[in-house]
Protein backbone atom coordinates (compact mmCIF):
# COMPACT_ATOMS: atom_id res chain seq x y z
CA MET A 1 0.04 0.01 -0.07
CA ILE A 2 1.15 3.31 -1.02
CA ASN A 3 3.01 5.31 1.94
CA ILE A 4 1.31 8.62 1.81
CA ASN A 5 4.40 10.34 4.09
CA ARG A 6 6.68 9.83 1.14
CA PRO A 7 6.89 11.97 -1.83
CA ARG A 8 7.55 10.81 -5.11
CA ARG A 9 7.36 13.87 -7.57
CA SER A 10 10.92 13.20 -9.21
CA VAL A 11 12.18 9.35 -9.54
CA LEU A 12 15.70 9.50 -11.01
CA TYR A 13 17.03 6.28 -12.87
CA MET A 14 20.83 6.12 -11.94
CA PRO A 15 23.06 3.33 -13.74
CA GLY A 16 24.81 1.00 -11.28
CA ALA A 17 27.80 0.69 -13.55
CA ASN A 18 28.66 4.82 -13.05
CA THR A 19 30.27 5.41 -9.65
CA ARG A 20 30.32 9.07 -10.31
CA ALA A 21 26.64 9.26 -10.90
CA LEU A 22 26.06 7.28 -7.80
CA GLU A 23 27.94 9.82 -6.00
CA LYS A 24 26.56 12.61 -7.38
CA ALA A 25 23.17 11.27 -6.55
CA LYS A 26 23.66 11.97 -2.88
CA SER A 27 23.48 15.83 -3.82
CA LEU A 28 20.54 16.00 -6.03
CA GLU A 29 16.85 17.00 -5.17
CA ALA A 30 15.23 13.86 -6.23
CA ASP A 31 12.74 12.32 -4.15
CA SER A 32 13.63 8.84 -5.15
CA LEU A 33 16.39 7.09 -6.95
CA ILE A 34 16.33 4.17 -9.10
CA LEU A 35 19.46 2.32 -8.92
CA ASP A 36 19.66 0.40 -11.90
CA LEU A 37 21.18 -2.98 -12.94
CA GLU A 38 18.79 -3.76 -15.60
CA ASP A 39 18.74 -1.78 -18.81
CA ALA A 40 21.39 0.85 -17.93
CA VAL A 41 23.98 -1.95 -17.22
CA ALA A 42 25.81 -3.89 -20.01
CA PRO A 43 26.04 -7.83 -19.33
CA ASP A 44 29.79 -7.53 -18.40
CA ALA A 45 29.26 -4.78 -16.10
CA LYS A 46 26.01 -6.35 -13.78
CA ILE A 47 28.36 -7.94 -11.14
CA SER A 48 30.72 -4.73 -10.36
CA ALA A 49 27.24 -2.81 -10.60
CA ARG A 50 26.09 -4.62 -7.87
CA SER A 51 28.96 -3.88 -5.60
CA ASN A 52 29.06 -0.27 -6.64
CA ILE A 53 25.12 -0.08 -5.51
CA ASN A 54 25.81 -1.67 -2.37
CA ALA A 55 28.79 0.74 -1.69
CA ALA A 56 26.48 3.86 -2.45
CA LEU A 57 23.74 2.38 -0.22
CA GLU A 58 26.00 1.67 2.72
CA SER A 59 27.13 5.37 2.65
CA GLY A 60 23.71 6.52 2.12
CA PHE A 61 21.47 8.86 0.05
CA GLY A 62 20.65 11.13 2.98
CA HIS A 63 16.47 11.75 2.82
CA ARG A 64 16.35 10.21 -0.77
CA GLU A 65 14.58 6.82 -1.45
CA ALA A 66 16.51 4.22 -2.78
CA VAL A 67 14.99 1.57 -4.97
CA VAL A 68 17.21 -1.07 -6.81
CA ARG A 69 16.06 -2.18 -10.13
CA ILE A 70 17.21 -5.67 -10.29
CA ASN A 71 17.33 -8.09 -13.44
CA GLY A 72 14.44 -10.43 -14.19
CA LEU A 73 14.52 -13.53 -12.10
CA ASP A 74 14.45 -15.55 -15.30
CA THR A 75 17.84 -13.77 -16.25
CA GLN A 76 21.21 -15.25 -15.17
CA TRP A 77 21.69 -12.22 -12.70
CA GLY A 78 18.16 -11.79 -11.26
CA LEU A 79 18.33 -14.24 -8.13
CA ASP A 80 21.79 -13.11 -7.15
CA ASP A 81 20.92 -9.34 -7.50
CA LEU A 82 17.87 -9.99 -5.09
CA LYS A 83 20.06 -11.97 -2.69
CA ALA A 84 22.57 -9.06 -3.00
CA PHE A 85 20.08 -6.70 -1.75
CA ALA A 86 18.13 -8.02 0.57
CA HIS A 87 19.88 -6.99 3.52
CA SER A 88 21.11 -3.84 1.95
CA LYS A 89 20.09 -0.30 3.04
CA ALA A 90 17.63 -0.37 -0.15
CA ASN A 91 14.05 0.69 0.61
CA ALA A 92 12.52 -1.25 -2.33
CA ILE A 93 13.03 -3.99 -4.82
CA LEU A 94 11.92 -2.70 -8.39
CA LEU A 95 10.93 -5.72 -10.77
CA PRO A 96 11.25 -5.45 -14.71
CA LYS A 97 8.72 -6.23 -17.13
CA VAL A 98 6.17 -7.58 -14.56
CA GLU A 99 3.27 -9.74 -16.54
CA SER A 100 1.84 -11.32 -13.86
CA ALA A 101 1.02 -11.88 -10.27
CA ALA A 102 3.30 -14.99 -9.74
CA GLN A 103 6.53 -12.78 -10.46
CA ILE A 104 5.73 -10.46 -7.51
CA GLN A 105 4.78 -13.38 -5.33
CA LYS A 106 8.23 -15.23 -6.37
CA VAL A 107 10.39 -12.05 -5.17
CA ALA A 108 7.87 -11.60 -1.93
CA GLU A 109 8.74 -15.26 -1.12
CA LEU A 110 12.36 -15.09 -1.80
CA LEU A 111 12.39 -12.23 0.44
CA LYS A 112 10.80 -14.04 3.24
CA GLU A 113 13.00 -16.53 2.98
CA LEU A 114 16.30 -14.25 2.93
CA ASN A 115 14.62 -12.49 6.11
CA PRO A 116 15.84 -9.03 5.47
CA SER A 117 16.51 -6.62 8.66
CA HIS A 118 14.21 -4.23 7.36
CA GLN A 119 10.89 -4.55 5.09
CA LEU A 120 11.87 -3.71 1.79
CA THR A 121 8.74 -3.34 -0.20
CA ILE A 122 8.22 -4.12 -4.12
CA TRP A 123 7.97 -1.82 -7.16
CA ALA A 124 6.49 -3.54 -10.49
CA MET A 125 7.67 -2.17 -13.97
CA ILE A 126 4.38 -1.91 -16.32
CA GLU A 127 6.15 -1.82 -19.79
CA THR A 128 4.40 -4.38 -21.75
CA PRO A 129 1.16 -4.88 -23.41
CA MET A 130 0.33 -8.00 -21.57
CA ALA A 131 1.08 -5.98 -18.32
CA ILE A 132 -1.71 -3.56 -19.28
CA PHE A 133 -4.08 -6.55 -19.45
CA LYS A 134 -2.94 -7.97 -16.34
CA LEU A 135 -3.26 -4.80 -14.20
CA THR A 136 -5.71 -6.17 -11.82
CA GLU A 137 -3.81 -9.47 -10.98
CA ILE A 138 -0.72 -7.71 -10.82
CA CYS A 139 -2.21 -5.10 -8.15
CA ASN A 140 -3.58 -7.94 -6.07
CA ALA A 141 -0.52 -9.96 -6.13
CA HIS A 142 1.09 -9.28 -2.62
CA PRO A 143 0.82 -6.48 0.03
CA LEU A 144 4.31 -5.69 -0.46
CA LEU A 145 3.72 -4.26 -3.62
CA GLU A 146 3.57 -0.60 -3.07
CA THR A 147 4.35 0.98 -6.56
CA LEU A 148 3.77 0.68 -10.40
CA VAL A 149 6.28 2.21 -12.58
CA LEU A 150 5.20 2.76 -16.22
CA GLY A 151 7.99 1.98 -18.78
CA THR A 152 6.71 3.46 -21.63
CA SER A 153 9.84 3.35 -23.88
CA ASP A 154 9.40 -0.36 -23.99
CA LEU A 155 5.74 -0.10 -24.59
CA VAL A 156 5.83 1.96 -27.08
CA LYS A 157 8.47 -0.38 -29.00
CA ASP A 158 6.21 -3.59 -28.34
CA LEU A 159 3.09 -1.70 -29.66
CA HIS A 160 5.07 -0.88 -32.84
CA ALA A 161 4.01 2.72 -32.08
CA ARG A 162 5.67 6.05 -32.28
CA HIS A 163 6.50 8.44 -29.54
CA THR A 164 4.30 11.64 -30.32
CA PRO A 165 4.42 15.09 -28.57
CA GLY A 166 0.85 14.33 -26.93
CA ARG A 167 1.48 10.65 -26.19
CA VAL A 168 -1.55 9.45 -27.89
CA GLU A 169 0.13 6.18 -28.47
CA THR A 170 0.46 5.36 -24.67
CA LEU A 171 -2.82 7.34 -23.19
CA THR A 172 -4.98 4.16 -22.81
CA ALA A 173 -2.17 2.24 -21.22
CA LEU A 174 -1.34 5.42 -18.84
CA SER A 175 -5.05 5.91 -17.66
CA LEU A 176 -5.52 2.16 -16.97
CA SER A 177 -2.39 2.16 -14.88
CA VAL A 178 -3.49 5.03 -12.73
CA LEU A 179 -7.00 3.43 -12.40
CA ALA A 180 -5.69 0.24 -11.28
CA ALA A 181 -3.36 1.88 -8.86
CA ARG A 182 -5.91 4.17 -7.27
CA ALA A 183 -8.41 1.01 -7.19
CA HIS A 184 -5.64 -0.73 -5.05
CA HIS A 185 -4.24 2.27 -3.19
CA LEU A 186 -0.60 1.96 -4.88
CA CYS A 187 1.71 4.67 -5.68
CA VAL A 188 1.69 5.33 -9.79
CA LEU A 189 4.83 6.94 -11.43
CA ASP A 190 4.75 8.11 -15.07
CA GLY A 191 7.38 7.03 -17.59
CA VAL A 192 10.47 9.04 -18.57
CA HIS A 193 10.82 11.80 -21.37
CA LEU A 194 13.46 10.93 -23.64
CA SER A 195 14.69 14.29 -24.96
CA LEU A 196 17.08 16.28 -22.80
CA ASP A 197 16.92 19.58 -25.19
CA ASP A 198 13.22 19.70 -24.94
CA PRO A 199 12.22 21.44 -21.81
CA GLU A 200 8.86 22.50 -23.19
CA GLY A 201 7.86 18.72 -24.00
CA LEU A 202 9.08 17.57 -20.73
CA LYS A 203 6.62 20.28 -19.10
CA ALA A 204 3.86 19.19 -21.06
CA ALA A 205 4.58 15.77 -20.26
CA CYS A 206 4.79 16.75 -16.22
CA VAL A 207 1.28 18.46 -16.52
CA GLN A 208 -0.33 15.91 -18.44
CA GLY A 209 0.94 13.03 -16.01
CA ARG A 210 -0.16 15.05 -13.17
CA ASP A 211 -3.50 15.83 -14.33
CA MET A 212 -4.08 12.14 -15.12
CA GLY A 213 -3.25 11.44 -11.60
CA PHE A 214 0.16 10.36 -11.27
CA ASP A 215 2.23 10.77 -8.08
CA GLY A 216 5.09 11.73 -9.98
CA LYS A 217 7.57 11.16 -13.07
CA THR A 218 10.48 8.88 -13.41
CA LEU A 219 13.53 10.56 -14.93
CA ILE A 220 16.73 9.97 -16.91
CA HIS A 221 18.65 13.05 -16.01
CA PRO A 222 19.31 15.54 -13.11
CA SER A 223 18.35 18.64 -14.98
CA GLN A 224 14.73 17.34 -15.34
CA ILE A 225 14.46 16.98 -11.33
CA ALA A 226 13.55 20.49 -10.98
CA LEU A 227 10.41 20.84 -13.02
CA ALA A 228 9.00 17.59 -12.01
CA ASN A 229 9.43 18.61 -8.40
CA LYS A 230 7.44 21.77 -9.09
CA THR A 231 4.79 20.31 -11.22
CA PHE A 232 3.84 17.25 -8.99
CA GLY A 233 4.23 19.22 -5.81
CA PRO A 234 1.32 21.41 -4.47
CA SER A 235 1.92 25.25 -5.35
CA SER A 236 1.64 27.82 -2.70
CA GLU A 237 -1.84 28.87 -4.25
CA GLU A 238 -3.09 25.14 -4.08
CA ILE A 239 -1.79 24.93 -0.39
CA GLU A 240 -3.69 28.11 0.48
CA GLU A 241 -6.70 27.09 -1.24
CA ALA A 242 -6.91 23.84 0.40
CA LYS A 243 -6.69 25.55 3.86
CA GLN A 244 -9.26 27.73 2.90
CA ARG A 245 -11.59 25.09 2.01
CA ILE A 246 -11.26 23.17 5.10
CA ALA A 247 -11.76 26.33 7.08
CA ALA A 248 -15.04 27.16 5.01
CA TYR A 249 -16.38 23.66 5.22
CA GLU A 250 -15.75 23.27 9.02
CA ALA A 251 -17.37 26.68 9.55
CA ALA A 252 -20.51 25.31 7.47
CA SER A 253 -20.70 21.96 9.17
CA ARG A 254 -20.97 23.82 12.74
CA THR A 255 -24.09 25.47 11.64
CA GLY A 256 -25.28 22.18 10.58
CA ALA A 257 -24.81 22.64 6.84
CA GLY A 258 -23.37 19.81 4.67
CA ILE A 259 -22.09 22.12 2.19
CA ALA A 260 -20.03 25.26 1.99
CA VAL A 261 -19.22 27.92 -0.62
CA LEU A 262 -15.92 29.70 -1.30
CA ASN A 263 -15.10 31.82 -4.05
CA GLY A 264 -18.44 31.19 -5.64
CA LYS A 265 -17.81 27.25 -5.45
CA LEU A 266 -19.62 24.70 -3.70
CA ILE A 267 -17.23 22.78 -1.33
CA GLU A 268 -18.31 19.02 -0.16
CA GLU A 269 -16.64 16.18 1.89
CA LEU A 270 -15.10 14.85 -1.39
CA HIS A 271 -13.47 18.46 -1.75
CA ILE A 272 -12.10 18.23 1.75
CA GLN A 273 -10.51 14.86 1.32
CA ASP A 274 -8.60 16.14 -1.56
CA SER A 275 -7.59 19.21 0.48
CA LYS A 276 -6.07 17.09 3.23
CA ARG A 277 -4.04 14.87 0.67
CA ILE A 278 -2.86 18.09 -0.78
CA LEU A 279 -1.98 19.50 2.58
CA ALA A 280 -0.29 15.90 3.54
CA LEU A 281 1.83 15.90 0.49
CA ALA A 282 2.91 19.65 1.23
CA GLU A 283 3.82 18.32 4.60
CA ALA A 284 5.68 15.59 3.64
CA ILE A 285 7.63 17.41 1.29
CA ASN A 286 8.56 19.69 3.79
CA SER A 287 9.69 17.02 5.94
CA PHE A 288 12.07 15.71 3.64
CA ASN A 289 13.02 18.87 2.15
CA PRO A 290 13.48 21.17 5.07
């Protein structure tokens, strides 16, 4: 189940083979880091990348959440990856190319056998057409499952589609993933924006993802962090409006009314729930970034 006290506005992929990048990550303003052993690491560098990531975890990433993306358990590296990080200081294990509940359950079973010193949650990459059709099964797989991560690059490839500015090729998959995550109380993260010299495109993708309901965006470069943080975090105006909504509703409730009016708009219980969510997110952001 989603940890509502943990902001995940910006989630940066960091290649495990790059020790300089891992060191730099300790000073970045990303909420979370995905320390990658899969796509970003060549086969002959997988083993050394494990050591790099474990060393970086040992020294710590400060307030930043550290998630290790292992190789699939059906590869020659996957099981050893999981064993290497079961007793590390990682916060979660990200499993690539999830297409069934059984994959999540297998990781959960192995973690139980390995008996980690603290609870590691499980994140699932949703990056194939089959994964979209199996979303309900995946989301119900195990209580340790906390987050869905959209892998839109692989998804577009498998669809034989093309990347477009409006992301029409993935909108159905994105929307279904948000619906599944919300129905099962999971966190859900939008896919990456591949162009590093396209700030307007990144902004549009962030706004689109936020408006669709994503909790944050996965990123491929530190230059993308600030915009993701700004877009997926509540603005000062949103925070003030949330406070005003709650105050207006509470004042109306004291008179026996079930609704309130603020700036010409009706305020009901559903608006209060959302206002409390906004304030909780703002508080969580401030607690991790004082």
